[in-house]
C-alpha atoms as a PDB file:
ATOM      1  CA  UNK A   1     -15.386  49.387  19.192  1.00  0.00           C
ATOM      2  CA  UNK A   2     -13.349  46.587  17.695  1.00  0.00           C
ATOM      3  CA  UNK A   3      -9.882  47.143  16.287  1.00  0.00           C
ATOM      4  CA  UNK A   4      -9.079  47.040  12.593  1.00  0.00           C
ATOM      5  CA  UNK A   5      -8.291  43.517  11.411  1.00  0.00           C
ATOM      6  CA  UNK A   6      -5.799  42.601   8.685  1.00  0.00           C
ATOM      7  CA  UNK A   7      -8.441  42.580   5.920  1.00  0.00           C
ATOM      8  CA  UNK A   8      -9.641  46.043   6.915  1.00  0.00           C
ATOM      9  CA  UNK A   9      -6.044  47.268   7.168  1.00  0.00           C
ATOM     10  CA  UNK A  10      -5.507  46.206   3.554  1.00  0.00           C
ATOM     11  CA  UNK A  11      -8.832  47.710   2.447  1.00  0.00           C
ATOM     12  CA  UNK A  12      -8.253  51.066   4.161  1.00  0.00           C
ATOM     13  CA  UNK A  13      -4.471  51.162   3.657  1.00  0.00           C
ATOM     14  CA  UNK A  14      -4.441  54.528   1.869  1.00  0.00           C
ATOM     15  CA  UNK A  15      -6.593  56.153   4.527  1.00  0.00           C
ATOM     16  CA  UNK A  16      -4.542  54.666   7.350  1.00  0.00           C
ATOM     17  CA  UNK A  17      -1.362  56.052   5.783  1.00  0.00           C
ATOM     18  CA  UNK A  18      -3.044  59.445   5.502  1.00  0.00           C
ATOM     19  CA  UNK A  19      -4.508  59.837   9.005  1.00  0.00           C
ATOM     20  CA  UNK A  20      -3.361  56.815  11.022  1.00  0.00           C
ATOM     21  CA  UNK A  21      -4.858  53.699  12.585  1.00  0.00           C
ATOM     22  CA  UNK A  22      -6.362  55.529  15.556  1.00  0.00           C
ATOM     23  CA  UNK A  23      -8.380  57.841  13.308  1.00  0.00           C
ATOM     24  CA  UNK A  24      -9.523  54.913  11.122  1.00  0.00           C
ATOM     25  CA  UNK A  25     -10.686  53.086  14.254  1.00  0.00           C
ATOM     26  CA  UNK A  26     -12.664  56.170  15.238  1.00  0.00           C
ATOM     27  CA  UNK A  27     -14.258  56.260  11.785  1.00  0.00           C
ATOM     28  CA  UNK A  28     -15.055  52.553  12.016  1.00  0.00           C
ATOM     29  CA  UNK A  29     -16.863  53.068  15.311  1.00  0.00           C
ATOM     30  CA  UNK A  30     -18.841  56.077  14.025  1.00  0.00           C
ATOM     31  CA  UNK A  31     -22.544  55.870  13.272  1.00  0.00           C
ATOM     32  CA  UNK A  32     -24.037  58.158  10.613  1.00  0.00           C
ATOM     33  CA  UNK A  33     -27.718  58.687   9.760  1.00  0.00           C
ATOM     34  CA  UNK A  34     -28.476  60.001   6.280  1.00  0.00           C
ATOM     35  CA  UNK A  35     -32.011  61.349   5.941  1.00  0.00           C
ATOM     36  CA  UNK A  36     -33.141  61.726   2.347  1.00  0.00           C
ATOM     37  CA  UNK A  37     -31.675  59.457  -0.271  1.00  0.00           C
ATOM     38  CA  UNK A  38     -31.859  61.699  -3.303  1.00  0.00           C
ATOM     39  CA  UNK A  39     -28.997  61.709  -5.797  1.00  0.00           C
ATOM     40  CA  UNK A  40     -26.767  63.767  -3.500  1.00  0.00           C
ATOM     41  CA  UNK A  41     -27.635  61.623  -0.465  1.00  0.00           C
ATOM     42  CA  UNK A  42     -26.835  58.435  -2.402  1.00  0.00           C
ATOM     43  CA  UNK A  43     -23.428  59.762  -3.470  1.00  0.00           C
ATOM     44  CA  UNK A  44     -22.689  60.985   0.051  1.00  0.00           C
ATOM     45  CA  UNK A  45     -23.694  57.587   1.446  1.00  0.00           C
ATOM     46  CA  UNK A  46     -21.407  55.757  -0.984  1.00  0.00           C
ATOM     47  CA  UNK A  47     -18.413  57.901  -0.069  1.00  0.00           C
ATOM     48  CA  UNK A  48     -19.017  57.574   3.664  1.00  0.00           C
ATOM     49  CA  UNK A  49     -19.361  53.782   3.442  1.00  0.00           C
ATOM     50  CA  UNK A  50     -16.194  53.521   1.340  1.00  0.00           C
ATOM     51  CA  UNK A  51     -14.350  55.434   4.067  1.00  0.00           C
ATOM     52  CA  UNK A  52     -15.335  52.717   6.542  1.00  0.00           C
ATOM     53  CA  UNK A  53     -18.119  54.385   8.504  1.00  0.00           C
ATOM     54  CA  UNK A  54     -21.393  52.702   9.457  1.00  0.00           C
ATOM     55  CA  UNK A  55     -24.436  54.248   7.790  1.00  0.00           C
ATOM     56  CA  UNK A  56     -28.163  54.054   8.452  1.00  0.00           C
ATOM     57  CA  UNK A  57     -30.543  55.390   5.819  1.00  0.00           C
ATOM     58  CA  UNK A  58     -33.948  56.976   6.252  1.00  0.00           C
ATOM     59  CA  UNK A  59     -36.097  58.084   3.352  1.00  0.00           C
ATOM     60  CA  UNK A  60     -39.877  58.017   3.078  1.00  0.00           C
ATOM     61  CA  UNK A  61     -40.096  59.699  -0.332  1.00  0.00           C
ATOM     62  CA  UNK A  62     -41.990  57.800  -3.024  1.00  0.00           C
ATOM     63  CA  UNK A  63     -39.789  56.442  -5.836  1.00  0.00           C
ATOM     64  CA  UNK A  64     -40.357  58.119  -9.193  1.00  0.00           C
ATOM     65  CA  UNK A  65     -39.011  57.364 -12.664  1.00  0.00           C
ATOM     66  CA  UNK A  66     -36.666  60.325 -12.185  1.00  0.00           C
ATOM     67  CA  UNK A  67     -35.054  58.598  -9.172  1.00  0.00           C
ATOM     68  CA  UNK A  68     -34.076  55.600 -11.294  1.00  0.00           C
ATOM     69  CA  UNK A  69     -31.732  57.749 -13.368  1.00  0.00           C
ATOM     70  CA  UNK A  70     -30.448  59.869 -10.495  1.00  0.00           C
ATOM     71  CA  UNK A  71     -28.998  57.276  -8.135  1.00  0.00           C
ATOM     72  CA  UNK A  72     -27.241  53.950  -8.282  1.00  0.00           C
ATOM     73  CA  UNK A  73     -29.050  52.347  -5.304  1.00  0.00           C
ATOM     74  CA  UNK A  74     -32.195  51.919  -7.385  1.00  0.00           C
ATOM     75  CA  UNK A  75     -32.574  49.680 -10.428  1.00  0.00           C
ATOM     76  CA  UNK A  76     -35.820  49.489 -12.389  1.00  0.00           C
ATOM     77  CA  UNK A  77     -35.975  45.686 -12.035  1.00  0.00           C
ATOM     78  CA  UNK A  78     -35.544  45.886  -8.237  1.00  0.00           C
ATOM     79  CA  UNK A  79     -38.047  48.545  -7.258  1.00  0.00           C
ATOM     80  CA  UNK A  80     -41.640  49.494  -7.817  1.00  0.00           C
ATOM     81  CA  UNK A  81     -42.096  53.089  -8.800  1.00  0.00           C
ATOM     82  CA  UNK A  82     -44.616  54.504  -6.369  1.00  0.00           C
ATOM     83  CA  UNK A  83     -43.214  52.740  -3.270  1.00  0.00           C
ATOM     84  CA  UNK A  84     -40.970  54.436  -0.726  1.00  0.00           C
ATOM     85  CA  UNK A  85     -37.261  54.671  -1.477  1.00  0.00           C
END
């Protein structure tokens, strides 16, 4: 994987101070698959992305009105209720 550049070093400064550049490089080169983007999955995804990991999402559940209030990835104006998440 590629090394952390100066922009990433500034972005992940707190994490780098906590566990070091080597560990942050390992996180950066990690690949995570999250299956099921319910409210918990959306929050987990956000936290993993903010830590610098690469995330792929898979969810075939149909969007309901309830989903619109339970997660920040969905906005009523952007999605059709009844389509997959």
